[in-house]
Amino acid sequence: MTAAVFFGCAFIAFGPALALYVFTIATEPLRIIFLIAGAFFWLVSLLISSLFWFLARLITDNRDGPTQKYLLIFGVLLSIFIQEMFRFGYYRLLKKASEGLKTINPDETAPSMRLLAYVSGLGFGIMSGVFSFVNTLSNSLGPGTVGIHGDSPQFFLNSAFMTLVIILLHVFWGIVFFDACEKKKWYILLIVLLTHLLVSAQVFWWPKPQRETASDLLQNIFVLQP
C-alpha cells in the first residue's frame, strides 16, 4: 500500500510537469539549458532566503511560540519577494543573452521571450515542487498510518495536488511576469507578486490540520489559475 501511495502521489505531483518536459523541452538542448538555469535561479533564491531565516533565528534566540510563528510568516513573505526578484533577474539575463545572440549572429533565430518565460517558469516550478514535496513523499513509504491521530487521511494526496498546483502556477507566473516586463506593464508584476503572496499566505489561515481545510485550500488556489 505504501508503494502505491508513493508512486501515485509522485505521478500526481510531477506527472504533468514531466509530460511538459518530455513533449516540449527534451528535444531542444537550448531549452534544457534554460530550464536548468531557471531551476538554479530558484535554488539561489532559496539559499538567500535560508540565510535570512538563519540570521533571524539567531537574533530572536529561539523565543516563545508566537514569536516563532510571526517569524515563520515573515520568512515566507521574504522568500516570495526574493523569488520574484530572481525571476526578474533571470528575465534580464535572458533578455541580454537574446540581444547578444542577435548581435553575434543576425541570421540565428533566437527563442521568443514567451517560450523562454514558459521554460523558466517550469524550471522554477519543478525545483520548488521537489523541495516542498520530496520529504513528504519519502515519508509515504512508511512506517506509520496517516490519520491515526485525527489528522486528514488524505494528507499525502492533498500534498501531491498542492505541489502540482504550485508547479503550474510557477509556469503561469513566469509567462505573465515576462510578458509584463516586455510590455512594461509594471502593475501586472505587482499582481503576480500579490497572487504568489496570497497562495502562500493561505496556509496560515487554518491553525489546525482538519480534514476539510486542505481541500478548501486547494479549491481556493485553483481559482487563481487562468
C-alpha atoms as a PDB file:
ATOM      1  CA  MET A   1       0.000   0.000   0.000  1.00  0.00           C
ATOM      2  CA  THR A   2       2.800   2.432   0.836  1.00  0.00           C
ATOM      3  CA  ALA A   3       4.417   1.862  -2.572  1.00  0.00           C
ATOM      4  CA  ALA A   4       1.101   2.581  -4.289  1.00  0.00           C
ATOM      5  CA  VAL A   5       0.719   5.823  -2.324  1.00  0.00           C
ATOM      6  CA  PHE A   6       4.301   6.804  -3.118  1.00  0.00           C
ATOM      7  CA  PHE A   7       4.086   6.286  -6.872  1.00  0.00           C
ATOM      8  CA  GLY A   8       0.528   7.579  -7.114  1.00  0.00           C
ATOM      9  CA  CYS A   9       1.323  10.830  -5.323  1.00  0.00           C
ATOM     10  CA  ALA A  10       4.602  11.197  -7.215  1.00  0.00           C
ATOM     11  CA  PHE A  11       2.847  10.946 -10.579  1.00  0.00           C
ATOM     12  CA  ILE A  12       0.094  13.323  -9.464  1.00  0.00           C
ATOM     13  CA  ALA A  13       2.603  15.928  -8.331  1.00  0.00           C
ATOM     14  CA  PHE A  14       5.205  15.631 -11.078  1.00  0.00           C
ATOM     15  CA  GLY A  15       3.427  13.788 -13.913  1.00  0.00           C
ATOM     16  CA  PRO A  16       2.139  16.885 -15.755  1.00  0.00           C
ATOM     17  CA  ALA A  17       5.491  18.648 -15.369  1.00  0.00           C
ATOM     18  CA  LEU A  18       7.270  15.544 -16.674  1.00  0.00           C
ATOM     19  CA  ALA A  19       4.904  15.419 -19.657  1.00  0.00           C
ATOM     20  CA  LEU A  20       5.545  19.096 -20.421  1.00  0.00           C
ATOM     21  CA  TYR A  21       9.276  18.466 -20.241  1.00  0.00           C
ATOM     22  CA  VAL A  22       9.199  15.395 -22.489  1.00  0.00           C
ATOM     23  CA  PHE A  23       6.951  16.841 -25.195  1.00  0.00           C
ATOM     24  CA  THR A  24       8.075  20.484 -25.263  1.00  0.00           C
ATOM     25  CA  ILE A  25      11.615  20.740 -23.888  1.00  0.00           C
ATOM     26  CA  ALA A  26      13.545  17.465 -24.037  1.00  0.00           C
ATOM     27  CA  THR A  27      14.038  17.608 -27.818  1.00  0.00           C
ATOM     28  CA  GLU A  28      15.717  21.043 -27.714  1.00  0.00           C
ATOM     29  CA  PRO A  29      19.119  21.239 -25.951  1.00  0.00           C
ATOM     30  CA  LEU A  30      18.886  25.020 -25.589  1.00  0.00           C
ATOM     31  CA  ARG A  31      15.560  24.742 -23.797  1.00  0.00           C
ATOM     32  CA  ILE A  32      17.041  22.189 -21.409  1.00  0.00           C
ATOM     33  CA  ILE A  33      19.809  24.646 -20.553  1.00  0.00           C
ATOM     34  CA  PHE A  34      17.292  27.418 -19.879  1.00  0.00           C
ATOM     35  CA  LEU A  35      15.209  25.042 -17.754  1.00  0.00           C
ATOM     36  CA  ILE A  36      18.207  24.076 -15.623  1.00  0.00           C
ATOM     37  CA  ALA A  37      19.227  27.725 -15.332  1.00  0.00           C
ATOM     38  CA  GLY A  38      15.740  28.635 -14.132  1.00  0.00           C
ATOM     39  CA  ALA A  39      15.860  25.874 -11.528  1.00  0.00           C
ATOM     40  CA  PHE A  40      19.293  27.129 -10.451  1.00  0.00           C
ATOM     41  CA  PHE A  41      17.986  30.680 -10.010  1.00  0.00           C
ATOM     42  CA  TRP A  42      15.207  29.359  -7.790  1.00  0.00           C
ATOM     43  CA  LEU A  43      17.765  27.424  -5.747  1.00  0.00           C
ATOM     44  CA  VAL A  44      19.876  30.542  -5.258  1.00  0.00           C
ATOM     45  CA  SER A  45      16.800  32.463  -4.121  1.00  0.00           C
ATOM     46  CA  LEU A  46      16.083  29.689  -1.621  1.00  0.00           C
ATOM     47  CA  LEU A  47      19.674  29.836  -0.375  1.00  0.00           C
ATOM     48  CA  ILE A  48      19.456  33.571   0.255  1.00  0.00           C
ATOM     49  CA  SER A  49      16.089  33.144   1.976  1.00  0.00           C
ATOM     50  CA  SER A  50      17.625  30.445   4.169  1.00  0.00           C
ATOM     51  CA  LEU A  51      20.456  32.765   5.166  1.00  0.00           C
ATOM     52  CA  PHE A  52      17.978  35.448   6.241  1.00  0.00           C
ATOM     53  CA  TRP A  53      15.995  32.818   8.140  1.00  0.00           C
ATOM     54  CA  PHE A  54      19.127  31.592   9.898  1.00  0.00           C
ATOM     55  CA  LEU A  55      20.091  35.129  10.921  1.00  0.00           C
ATOM     56  CA  ALA A  56      16.565  35.860  12.137  1.00  0.00           C
ATOM     57  CA  ARG A  57      16.590  32.719  14.284  1.00  0.00           C
ATOM     58  CA  LEU A  58      19.890  33.777  15.802  1.00  0.00           C
ATOM     59  CA  ILE A  59      18.569  37.258  16.580  1.00  0.00           C
ATOM     60  CA  THR A  60      15.350  36.009  18.196  1.00  0.00           C
ATOM     61  CA  ASP A  61      17.291  33.282  20.028  1.00  0.00           C
ATOM     62  CA  ASN A  62      14.511  30.658  19.678  1.00  0.00           C
ATOM     63  CA  ARG A  63      11.960  32.521  21.791  1.00  0.00           C
ATOM     64  CA  ASP A  64       8.348  31.664  22.577  1.00  0.00           C
ATOM     65  CA  GLY A  65       5.865  30.133  20.157  1.00  0.00           C
ATOM     66  CA  PRO A  66       4.067  33.301  18.942  1.00  0.00           C
ATOM     67  CA  THR A  67       7.382  34.912  18.098  1.00  0.00           C
ATOM     68  CA  GLN A  68       8.404  31.892  16.059  1.00  0.00           C
ATOM     69  CA  LYS A  69       5.033  31.873  14.287  1.00  0.00           C
ATOM     70  CA  TYR A  70       5.369  35.504  13.207  1.00  0.00           C
ATOM     71  CA  LEU A  71       8.964  34.839  12.281  1.00  0.00           C
ATOM     72  CA  LEU A  72       7.818  31.969  10.052  1.00  0.00           C
ATOM     73  CA  ILE A  73       5.272  34.234   8.350  1.00  0.00           C
ATOM     74  CA  PHE A  74       7.952  36.860   7.806  1.00  0.00           C
ATOM     75  CA  GLY A  75      10.286  34.222   6.373  1.00  0.00           C
ATOM     76  CA  VAL A  76       7.667  33.012   3.889  1.00  0.00           C
ATOM     77  CA  LEU A  77       6.855  36.541   2.713  1.00  0.00           C
ATOM     78  CA  LEU A  78      10.523  37.446   2.402  1.00  0.00           C
ATOM     79  CA  SER A  79      11.198  34.261   0.446  1.00  0.00           C
ATOM     80  CA  ILE A  80       8.463  35.155  -2.053  1.00  0.00           C
ATOM     81  CA  PHE A  81       9.893  38.636  -2.569  1.00  0.00           C
ATOM     82  CA  ILE A  82      13.332  37.140  -3.167  1.00  0.00           C
ATOM     83  CA  GLN A  83      11.937  34.556  -5.610  1.00  0.00           C
ATOM     84  CA  GLU A  84      10.244  37.260  -7.664  1.00  0.00           C
ATOM     85  CA  MET A  85      13.396  39.381  -7.608  1.00  0.00           C
ATOM     86  CA  PHE A  86      15.334  36.433  -9.009  1.00  0.00           C
ATOM     87  CA  ARG A  87      12.625  35.864 -11.598  1.00  0.00           C
ATOM     88  CA  PHE A  88      13.143  39.450 -12.730  1.00  0.00           C
ATOM     89  CA  GLY A  89      16.919  38.964 -12.680  1.00  0.00           C
ATOM     90  CA  TYR A  90      16.561  35.850 -14.816  1.00  0.00           C
ATOM     91  CA  TYR A  91      14.404  37.787 -17.261  1.00  0.00           C
ATOM     92  CA  ARG A  92      17.083  40.473 -17.561  1.00  0.00           C
ATOM     93  CA  LEU A  93      19.741  37.821 -18.105  1.00  0.00           C
ATOM     94  CA  LEU A  94      17.725  36.115 -20.854  1.00  0.00           C
ATOM     95  CA  LYS A  95      16.985  39.463 -22.468  1.00  0.00           C
ATOM     96  CA  LYS A  96      20.686  40.351 -22.593  1.00  0.00           C
ATOM     97  CA  ALA A  97      21.578  36.885 -23.877  1.00  0.00           C
ATOM     98  CA  SER A  98      18.962  37.121 -26.639  1.00  0.00           C
ATOM     99  CA  GLU A  99      20.198  40.548 -27.720  1.00  0.00           C
ATOM    100  CA  GLY A 100      23.803  39.343 -27.666  1.00  0.00           C
ATOM    101  CA  LEU A 101      22.930  36.321 -29.797  1.00  0.00           C
ATOM    102  CA  LYS A 102      21.313  38.565 -32.401  1.00  0.00           C
ATOM    103  CA  THR A 103      24.375  40.823 -32.435  1.00  0.00           C
ATOM    104  CA  ILE A 104      26.859  37.977 -32.864  1.00  0.00           C
ATOM    105  CA  ASN A 105      24.826  36.046 -35.435  1.00  0.00           C
ATOM    106  CA  PRO A 106      21.973  38.042 -37.015  1.00  0.00           C
ATOM    107  CA  ASP A 107      20.913  35.027 -39.079  1.00  0.00           C
ATOM    108  CA  GLU A 108      20.338  32.906 -35.979  1.00  0.00           C
ATOM    109  CA  THR A 109      16.737  32.831 -34.783  1.00  0.00           C
ATOM    110  CA  ALA A 110      16.665  33.470 -31.049  1.00  0.00           C
ATOM    111  CA  PRO A 111      13.963  31.809 -28.932  1.00  0.00           C
ATOM    112  CA  SER A 112      10.978  34.037 -28.256  1.00  0.00           C
ATOM    113  CA  MET A 113      10.635  35.561 -24.799  1.00  0.00           C
ATOM    114  CA  ARG A 114       7.274  33.853 -24.390  1.00  0.00           C
ATOM    115  CA  LEU A 115       8.916  30.467 -24.908  1.00  0.00           C
ATOM    116  CA  LEU A 116      11.723  31.399 -22.528  1.00  0.00           C
ATOM    117  CA  ALA A 117       9.137  32.514 -19.977  1.00  0.00           C
ATOM    118  CA  TYR A 118       7.420  29.124 -20.170  1.00  0.00           C
ATOM    119  CA  VAL A 119      10.684  27.200 -19.857  1.00  0.00           C
ATOM    120  CA  SER A 120      11.998  29.301 -16.975  1.00  0.00           C
ATOM    121  CA  GLY A 121       8.651  29.109 -15.173  1.00  0.00           C
ATOM    122  CA  LEU A 122       8.682  25.330 -15.479  1.00  0.00           C
ATOM    123  CA  GLY A 123      12.226  25.279 -14.093  1.00  0.00           C
ATOM    124  CA  PHE A 124      11.149  27.401 -11.129  1.00  0.00           C
ATOM    125  CA  GLY A 125       8.108  25.213 -10.563  1.00  0.00           C
ATOM    126  CA  ILE A 126       9.836  21.845 -10.773  1.00  0.00           C
ATOM    127  CA  MET A 127      12.563  22.815  -8.329  1.00  0.00           C
ATOM    128  CA  SER A 128      10.023  24.388  -5.979  1.00  0.00           C
ATOM    129  CA  GLY A 129       7.894  21.251  -6.123  1.00  0.00           C
ATOM    130  CA  VAL A 130      10.838  18.955  -5.477  1.00  0.00           C
ATOM    131  CA  PHE A 131      11.916  20.874  -2.383  1.00  0.00           C
ATOM    132  CA  SER A 132       8.402  21.200  -0.982  1.00  0.00           C
ATOM    133  CA  PHE A 133       7.263  17.605  -1.529  1.00  0.00           C
ATOM    134  CA  VAL A 134      10.248  15.266  -1.577  1.00  0.00           C
ATOM    135  CA  ASN A 135      10.370  14.779   2.220  1.00  0.00           C
ATOM    136  CA  THR A 136       6.624  14.214   2.438  1.00  0.00           C
ATOM    137  CA  LEU A 137       6.829  11.775  -0.447  1.00  0.00           C
ATOM    138  CA  SER A 138       9.613   9.816   1.227  1.00  0.00           C
ATOM    139  CA  ASN A 139       7.522   9.541   4.410  1.00  0.00           C
ATOM    140  CA  SER A 140       4.690   7.974   2.415  1.00  0.00           C
ATOM    141  CA  LEU A 141       6.783   4.811   2.181  1.00  0.00           C
ATOM    142  CA  GLY A 142       6.207   4.284   5.909  1.00  0.00           C
ATOM    143  CA  PRO A 143       6.289   3.297   8.645  1.00  0.00           C
ATOM    144  CA  GLY A 144       3.143   4.828  10.143  1.00  0.00           C
ATOM    145  CA  THR A 145      -0.516   5.343   9.379  1.00  0.00           C
ATOM    146  CA  VAL A 146      -1.713   8.757   8.267  1.00  0.00           C
ATOM    147  CA  GLY A 147      -4.829   9.983  10.095  1.00  0.00           C
ATOM    148  CA  ILE A 148      -4.447   7.747  13.139  1.00  0.00           C
ATOM    149  CA  HIS A 149      -4.389  10.777  15.493  1.00  0.00           C
ATOM    150  CA  GLY A 150      -7.330  12.562  13.900  1.00  0.00           C
ATOM    151  CA  ASP A 151      -5.426  14.223  11.072  1.00  0.00           C
ATOM    152  CA  SER A 152      -6.611  14.005   7.499  1.00  0.00           C
ATOM    153  CA  PRO A 153      -6.051  10.546   5.941  1.00  0.00           C
ATOM    154  CA  GLN A 154      -5.772  12.359   2.609  1.00  0.00           C
ATOM    155  CA  PHE A 155      -2.642  14.238   3.679  1.00  0.00           C
ATOM    156  CA  PHE A 156      -0.347  12.758   1.026  1.00  0.00           C
ATOM    157  CA  LEU A 157      -2.962  13.147  -1.701  1.00  0.00           C
ATOM    158  CA  ASN A 158      -3.637  16.777  -0.770  1.00  0.00           C
ATOM    159  CA  SER A 159       0.095  17.481  -0.634  1.00  0.00           C
ATOM    160  CA  ALA A 160       0.547  15.961  -4.089  1.00  0.00           C
ATOM    161  CA  PHE A 161      -2.195  18.129  -5.585  1.00  0.00           C
ATOM    162  CA  MET A 162      -0.783  21.166  -3.796  1.00  0.00           C
ATOM    163  CA  THR A 163       2.629  20.507  -5.348  1.00  0.00           C
ATOM    164  CA  LEU A 164       1.040  20.095  -8.778  1.00  0.00           C
ATOM    165  CA  VAL A 165      -0.800  23.403  -8.409  1.00  0.00           C
ATOM    166  CA  ILE A 166       2.334  25.262  -7.301  1.00  0.00           C
ATOM    167  CA  ILE A 167       4.315  23.920 -10.272  1.00  0.00           C
ATOM    168  CA  LEU A 168       1.637  25.018 -12.727  1.00  0.00           C
ATOM    169  CA  LEU A 169       1.284  28.383 -11.016  1.00  0.00           C
ATOM    170  CA  HIS A 170       5.015  28.992 -11.398  1.00  0.00           C
ATOM    171  CA  VAL A 171       4.632  28.342 -15.127  1.00  0.00           C
ATOM    172  CA  PHE A 172       1.739  30.806 -15.337  1.00  0.00           C
ATOM    173  CA  TRP A 173       3.543  33.359 -13.178  1.00  0.00           C
ATOM    174  CA  GLY A 174       6.631  33.096 -15.357  1.00  0.00           C
ATOM    175  CA  ILE A 175       4.695  33.682 -18.581  1.00  0.00           C
ATOM    176  CA  VAL A 176       2.706  36.609 -17.170  1.00  0.00           C
ATOM    177  CA  PHE A 177       5.800  38.089 -15.495  1.00  0.00           C
ATOM    178  CA  PHE A 178       7.941  38.029 -18.640  1.00  0.00           C
ATOM    179  CA  ASP A 179       5.105  39.372 -20.777  1.00  0.00           C
ATOM    180  CA  ALA A 180       4.606  42.243 -18.348  1.00  0.00           C
ATOM    181  CA  CYS A 181       8.313  43.044 -18.463  1.00  0.00           C
ATOM    182  CA  GLU A 182       8.292  43.003 -22.265  1.00  0.00           C
ATOM    183  CA  LYS A 183       5.289  45.340 -22.439  1.00  0.00           C
ATOM    184  CA  LYS A 184       6.465  47.386 -19.418  1.00  0.00           C
ATOM    185  CA  LYS A 185       3.178  46.869 -17.622  1.00  0.00           C
ATOM    186  CA  TRP A 186       4.606  47.055 -14.137  1.00  0.00           C
ATOM    187  CA  TYR A 187       1.255  46.767 -12.371  1.00  0.00           C
ATOM    188  CA  ILE A 188       0.982  43.207 -13.705  1.00  0.00           C
ATOM    189  CA  LEU A 189       4.233  42.385 -11.906  1.00  0.00           C
ATOM    190  CA  LEU A 190       2.528  43.536  -8.727  1.00  0.00           C
ATOM    191  CA  ILE A 191      -0.409  41.231  -9.490  1.00  0.00           C
ATOM    192  CA  VAL A 192       1.977  38.287  -9.892  1.00  0.00           C
ATOM    193  CA  LEU A 193       3.622  39.135  -6.577  1.00  0.00           C
ATOM    194  CA  LEU A 194       0.297  39.530  -4.775  1.00  0.00           C
ATOM    195  CA  THR A 195      -1.119  36.250  -6.097  1.00  0.00           C
ATOM    196  CA  HIS A 196       2.090  34.482  -5.066  1.00  0.00           C
ATOM    197  CA  LEU A 197       1.754  36.016  -1.598  1.00  0.00           C
ATOM    198  CA  LEU A 198      -1.929  35.071  -1.454  1.00  0.00           C
ATOM    199  CA  VAL A 199      -1.294  31.430  -2.322  1.00  0.00           C
ATOM    200  CA  SER A 200       1.445  31.111   0.285  1.00  0.00           C
ATOM    201  CA  ALA A 201      -0.443  33.054   2.961  1.00  0.00           C
ATOM    202  CA  GLN A 202      -3.478  30.767   2.829  1.00  0.00           C
ATOM    203  CA  VAL A 203      -1.613  28.036   4.685  1.00  0.00           C
ATOM    204  CA  PHE A 204      -1.578  30.295   7.772  1.00  0.00           C
ATOM    205  CA  TRP A 205      -5.340  30.817   7.818  1.00  0.00           C
ATOM    206  CA  TRP A 206      -6.149  27.396   9.296  1.00  0.00           C
ATOM    207  CA  PRO A 207      -4.428  26.797  12.643  1.00  0.00           C
ATOM    208  CA  LYS A 208      -5.352  23.109  12.867  1.00  0.00           C
ATOM    209  CA  PRO A 209      -4.971  20.405  10.190  1.00  0.00           C
ATOM    210  CA  GLN A 210      -8.623  19.447   9.750  1.00  0.00           C
ATOM    211  CA  ARG A 211      -9.865  17.148   7.019  1.00  0.00           C
ATOM    212  CA  GLU A 212     -11.806  19.848   5.183  1.00  0.00           C
ATOM    213  CA  THR A 213      -9.240  22.629   5.288  1.00  0.00           C
ATOM    214  CA  ALA A 214      -6.733  21.122   2.875  1.00  0.00           C
ATOM    215  CA  SER A 215      -9.420  20.575   0.258  1.00  0.00           C
ATOM    216  CA  ASP A 216     -10.719  24.116   0.782  1.00  0.00           C
ATOM    217  CA  LEU A 217      -7.207  25.446   0.377  1.00  0.00           C
ATOM    218  CA  LEU A 218      -6.773  23.585  -2.906  1.00  0.00           C
ATOM    219  CA  GLN A 219     -10.082  24.904  -4.212  1.00  0.00           C
ATOM    220  CA  ASN A 220      -9.102  28.483  -3.396  1.00  0.00           C
ATOM    221  CA  ILE A 221      -5.726  28.120  -5.089  1.00  0.00           C
ATOM    222  CA  PHE A 222      -7.248  26.541  -8.209  1.00  0.00           C
ATOM    223  CA  VAL A 223      -9.327  29.709  -8.582  1.00  0.00           C
ATOM    224  CA  LEU A 224      -6.100  31.687  -9.083  1.00  0.00           C
ATOM    225  CA  GLN A 225      -5.122  29.648 -12.132  1.00  0.00           C
ATOM    226  CA  PRO A 226      -6.091  31.166 -15.503  1.00  0.00           C
END
